[in-house]
Amino acid sequence: MSKAYIAIPTYNEAENIGPLTREIFRHVPDVSVLVADDDSPDRTGDAVRALQKEYPRLSLLERKGVRGFAGAHLAAFDAILQNPSVEHIVTMDGDFSHHPRYVPEMLKAAEKYDLVVGSRYATGGGVKNWSMRRRLLSRFGNLYARLVTGIPCRDVTAGFMCIRASVLRELPWRSMQAQGYAWLIELKMLFSRAGAAIAEVPIVFEERRSGASKISRSIIAEGIIQPVRMRFKK
């Protein structure tokens, strides 16, 4: 039996969560999945409950009245780590940007590494169906964050990760300050500063299949400011 959990934060992903769940259990049938839903108006939670009848290893964490990318991840970590037998936590988006076909390879690499990143910018990785503006924004953002923080990773803004639970338990992840996607950089910095072994597995990142993107000006602004704060935070 797998001792891995997949954590999926969701907000308005009712159209995607069903197909995604089926693909996850097709590629890694013995994994457990926790969906942390931020009170989605499109009733994503109801969609997950319907799926639970078919997939007993699927669970739902409903965050009533609260929303936030970082908060959803932290709540998922807190719930998953209550189980002492969990060895790895995989984080992935709920919109098919991160395809489940990469999870077995990431879990295999996690046997040797503390943090495995599903990387768009490792050799063999890439993006699909992105505009030139989106490509340039991502490339610049990654280069900027890498130079400022010194994290030894090509894709520091990646949200597709496989985390060794025993290492996460020893890190001060509950005190992380970033709220948006900059949280992904902060988490990698925690692992890097702790001397954790980090590896990257190349993936092709695909634009969401349906629904609206969550990227906003405030998220971009945080991505500029937070790396500087992280760099000088003790």
Protein backbone atom coordinates (compact mmCIF):
# COMPACT_ATOMS: atom_id res chain seq x y z
CA MET A 1 0.00 0.00 0.00
CA SER A 2 1.28 3.43 -0.94
CA LYS A 3 2.16 5.77 1.91
CA ALA A 4 1.79 8.85 -0.30
CA TYR A 5 -0.88 11.51 -0.21
CA ILE A 6 -1.77 13.92 -3.00
CA ALA A 7 -2.92 17.34 -1.77
CA ILE A 8 -5.05 19.36 -4.18
CA PRO A 9 -6.16 22.89 -3.21
CA THR A 10 -9.30 23.89 -5.12
CA TYR A 11 -11.47 26.91 -5.78
CA ASN A 12 -14.13 26.58 -8.47
CA GLU A 13 -12.76 23.38 -10.00
CA ALA A 14 -16.03 21.40 -10.22
CA GLU A 15 -15.51 20.77 -13.94
CA ASN A 16 -11.95 19.52 -13.52
CA ILE A 17 -11.92 17.57 -10.27
CA GLY A 18 -13.76 14.52 -11.61
CA PRO A 19 -11.54 13.87 -14.67
CA LEU A 20 -8.45 14.71 -12.61
CA THR A 21 -9.37 12.28 -9.83
CA ARG A 22 -9.95 9.47 -12.32
CA GLU A 23 -6.57 10.10 -13.95
CA ILE A 24 -4.81 10.15 -10.58
CA PHE A 25 -6.18 6.78 -9.52
CA ARG A 26 -5.53 5.36 -12.98
CA HIS A 27 -1.82 6.21 -12.77
CA VAL A 28 -1.32 5.67 -9.00
CA PRO A 29 -4.23 3.51 -7.76
CA ASP A 30 -2.86 3.00 -4.25
CA VAL A 31 -2.30 6.68 -3.44
CA SER A 32 -4.57 8.71 -1.13
CA VAL A 33 -5.95 12.08 -2.21
CA LEU A 34 -7.05 15.05 -0.12
CA VAL A 35 -8.92 17.90 -1.79
CA ALA A 36 -8.74 21.13 0.25
CA ASP A 37 -11.62 23.22 -1.07
CA ASP A 38 -12.01 26.92 -0.29
CA ASP A 39 -15.82 27.06 -0.11
CA SER A 40 -16.14 27.05 -3.92
CA PRO A 41 -19.35 28.69 -5.20
CA ASP A 42 -19.44 26.19 -8.08
CA ARG A 43 -19.93 23.36 -5.53
CA THR A 44 -16.59 21.67 -6.04
CA GLY A 45 -17.09 20.09 -2.62
CA ASP A 46 -20.27 18.37 -3.79
CA ALA A 47 -18.44 17.02 -6.82
CA VAL A 48 -15.79 15.53 -4.53
CA ARG A 49 -18.41 13.94 -2.28
CA ALA A 50 -19.99 12.28 -5.29
CA LEU A 51 -16.59 10.91 -6.33
CA GLN A 52 -15.98 9.45 -2.86
CA LYS A 53 -18.59 6.79 -3.56
CA GLU A 54 -16.31 5.48 -6.30
CA TYR A 55 -12.94 6.27 -4.71
CA PRO A 56 -12.71 5.46 -0.98
CA ARG A 57 -9.15 6.82 -0.81
CA LEU A 58 -10.41 10.30 -1.72
CA SER A 59 -11.11 12.72 1.14
CA LEU A 60 -12.38 16.29 1.35
CA LEU A 61 -11.28 19.14 3.59
CA GLU A 62 -13.82 21.97 3.40
CA ARG A 63 -12.56 25.42 4.41
CA LYS A 64 -15.80 27.29 5.00
CA GLY A 65 -15.68 31.04 4.56
CA VAL A 66 -11.93 31.17 3.91
CA ARG A 67 -9.93 31.35 0.72
CA GLY A 68 -6.25 31.39 -0.08
CA PHE A 69 -3.69 29.38 -1.99
CA ALA A 70 -1.14 29.13 0.82
CA GLY A 71 -3.77 28.57 3.51
CA ALA A 72 -5.30 25.67 1.61
CA HIS A 73 -1.92 23.97 1.32
CA LEU A 74 -1.11 24.53 4.99
CA ALA A 75 -4.48 23.14 6.06
CA ALA A 76 -3.92 20.10 3.84
CA PHE A 77 -0.44 19.55 5.31
CA ASP A 78 -1.81 19.79 8.83
CA ALA A 79 -4.53 17.24 8.11
CA ILE A 80 -2.28 14.79 6.25
CA LEU A 81 0.55 14.88 8.78
CA GLN A 82 -1.84 13.72 11.48
CA ASN A 83 -1.25 10.29 9.97
CA PRO A 84 2.22 9.17 11.16
CA SER A 85 2.50 6.55 8.40
CA VAL A 86 2.51 9.11 5.56
CA GLU A 87 5.90 9.22 3.86
CA HIS A 88 5.35 11.60 0.95
CA ILE A 89 3.00 14.45 0.07
CA VAL A 90 2.47 15.40 -3.56
CA THR A 91 1.09 18.87 -4.26
CA MET A 92 -0.62 19.58 -7.56
CA ASP A 93 -3.14 21.94 -9.13
CA GLY A 94 -6.75 20.95 -9.58
CA ASP A 95 -7.03 22.12 -13.20
CA PHE A 96 -4.94 19.49 -15.06
CA SER A 97 -1.98 21.85 -15.46
CA HIS A 98 -0.08 19.13 -13.62
CA HIS A 99 -0.85 15.81 -15.25
CA PRO A 100 -1.02 12.75 -12.96
CA ARG A 101 1.08 10.71 -15.41
CA TYR A 102 4.18 12.31 -13.85
CA VAL A 103 3.37 11.28 -10.28
CA PRO A 104 4.88 7.74 -10.46
CA GLU A 105 8.21 9.13 -11.69
CA MET A 106 8.21 11.80 -9.00
CA LEU A 107 7.49 9.24 -6.28
CA LYS A 108 10.33 7.10 -7.62
CA ALA A 109 12.75 10.03 -7.44
CA ALA A 110 11.49 10.81 -3.92
CA GLU A 111 13.01 7.57 -2.71
CA LYS A 112 16.38 9.36 -2.90
CA TYR A 113 15.45 13.04 -2.55
CA ASP A 114 13.66 15.09 0.09
CA LEU A 115 11.95 17.41 -2.38
CA VAL A 116 11.17 16.52 -5.99
CA VAL A 117 9.94 19.31 -8.24
CA GLY A 118 7.87 18.68 -11.36
CA SER A 119 9.84 21.15 -13.44
CA ARG A 120 8.92 23.04 -16.60
CA TYR A 121 12.47 24.28 -16.96
CA ALA A 122 14.53 21.15 -16.38
CA THR A 123 15.92 19.55 -19.52
CA GLY A 124 13.01 17.84 -21.26
CA GLY A 125 10.35 19.98 -19.61
CA GLY A 126 8.18 22.65 -21.17
CA VAL A 127 4.84 24.43 -21.37
CA LYS A 128 1.87 23.98 -23.68
CA ASN A 129 -0.82 26.40 -24.89
CA TRP A 130 0.71 29.46 -23.26
CA SER A 131 0.74 32.95 -24.73
CA MET A 132 4.08 34.65 -25.29
CA ARG A 133 3.27 37.07 -22.44
CA ARG A 134 2.68 34.16 -20.06
CA ARG A 135 5.91 32.48 -21.14
CA LEU A 136 7.96 35.63 -20.62
CA LEU A 137 6.33 36.35 -17.26
CA SER A 138 7.07 32.85 -16.00
CA ARG A 139 10.64 32.81 -17.30
CA PHE A 140 11.44 36.21 -15.83
CA GLY A 141 9.76 35.36 -12.54
CA ASN A 142 11.75 32.17 -12.17
CA LEU A 143 15.05 33.80 -13.07
CA TYR A 144 14.39 36.68 -10.69
CA ALA A 145 13.40 34.40 -7.78
CA ARG A 146 16.38 32.10 -8.34
CA LEU A 147 18.86 35.00 -8.38
CA VAL A 148 17.39 36.64 -5.28
CA THR A 149 16.90 33.53 -3.13
CA GLY A 150 19.70 31.28 -4.37
CA ILE A 151 17.41 28.23 -4.39
CA PRO A 152 19.15 25.43 -6.36
CA CYS A 153 16.18 24.71 -8.60
CA ARG A 154 15.33 25.75 -12.16
CA ASP A 155 11.60 25.98 -11.52
CA VAL A 156 11.26 27.73 -8.16
CA THR A 157 7.63 28.74 -8.79
CA ALA A 158 6.46 25.19 -9.56
CA GLY A 159 3.46 23.93 -7.60
CA PHE A 160 3.92 20.29 -8.63
CA MET A 161 6.08 18.80 -5.87
CA CYS A 162 6.72 15.58 -3.98
CA ILE A 163 7.72 16.26 -0.38
CA ARG A 164 9.28 13.89 2.12
CA ALA A 165 6.94 14.07 5.11
CA SER A 166 9.62 13.35 7.72
CA VAL A 167 11.60 16.41 6.58
CA LEU A 168 8.51 18.62 6.37
CA ARG A 169 7.64 17.71 9.96
CA GLU A 170 10.96 19.18 11.10
CA LEU A 171 10.57 22.50 9.26
CA PRO A 172 8.72 25.64 10.50
CA TRP A 173 6.18 25.51 7.67
CA ARG A 174 3.36 26.78 9.87
CA SER A 175 5.12 30.14 10.21
CA MET A 176 5.49 30.79 6.49
CA GLN A 177 4.36 34.29 5.54
CA ALA A 178 3.65 34.29 1.78
CA GLN A 179 -0.02 34.02 0.85
CA GLY A 180 -0.14 33.56 -2.93
CA TYR A 181 2.06 31.68 -5.37
CA ALA A 182 5.15 33.14 -3.67
CA TRP A 183 4.41 30.52 -1.00
CA LEU A 184 5.80 27.94 -3.42
CA ILE A 185 9.11 29.78 -3.46
CA GLU A 186 9.13 30.09 0.34
CA LEU A 187 8.55 26.37 0.80
CA LYS A 188 11.47 25.49 -1.48
CA MET A 189 13.62 27.97 0.39
CA LEU A 190 12.80 26.24 3.68
CA PHE A 191 13.99 22.94 2.24
CA SER A 192 17.08 24.52 0.67
CA ARG A 193 18.17 26.27 3.87
CA ALA A 194 17.68 23.01 5.79
CA GLY A 195 20.16 21.29 3.47
CA ALA A 196 17.52 19.00 2.01
CA ALA A 197 18.27 17.04 -1.16
CA ILE A 198 16.32 18.60 -4.05
CA ALA A 199 15.77 17.13 -7.52
CA GLU A 200 13.73 18.07 -10.58
CA VAL A 201 11.69 15.81 -12.85
CA PRO A 202 10.84 17.36 -16.24
CA ILE A 203 7.15 17.85 -16.98
CA VAL A 204 5.11 19.55 -19.69
CA PHE A 205 2.84 22.10 -18.05
CA GLU A 206 -0.49 22.50 -19.86
CA GLU A 207 -2.86 25.45 -19.63
CA ARG A 208 -5.98 24.69 -17.57
CA ARG A 209 -8.67 22.69 -19.36
CA SER A 210 -11.57 24.80 -18.09
CA GLY A 211 -12.32 27.55 -15.61
CA ALA A 212 -10.54 30.83 -14.94
CA SER A 213 -6.90 31.38 -14.08
CA LYS A 214 -6.20 32.47 -10.50
CA ILE A 215 -3.21 34.70 -11.39
CA SER A 216 -3.77 38.38 -10.52
CA ARG A 217 -1.76 41.59 -10.24
CA SER A 218 -1.52 41.18 -6.47
CA ILE A 219 -0.08 37.69 -6.90
CA ILE A 220 2.51 39.01 -9.35
CA ALA A 221 3.39 41.86 -6.96
CA GLU A 222 3.87 39.41 -4.09
CA GLY A 223 6.13 37.35 -6.33
CA ILE A 224 8.37 40.39 -6.71
CA ILE A 225 8.42 41.49 -3.07
CA GLN A 226 8.48 38.21 -1.16
CA PRO A 227 11.74 36.75 -2.60
CA VAL A 228 13.61 39.80 -1.26
CA ARG A 229 12.03 39.35 2.18
CA MET A 230 12.86 35.64 2.10
CA ARG A 231 16.46 36.32 1.16
CA PHE A 232 17.11 38.39 4.26
CA LYS A 233 14.83 36.53 6.69
CA LYS A 234 16.74 34.53 9.27
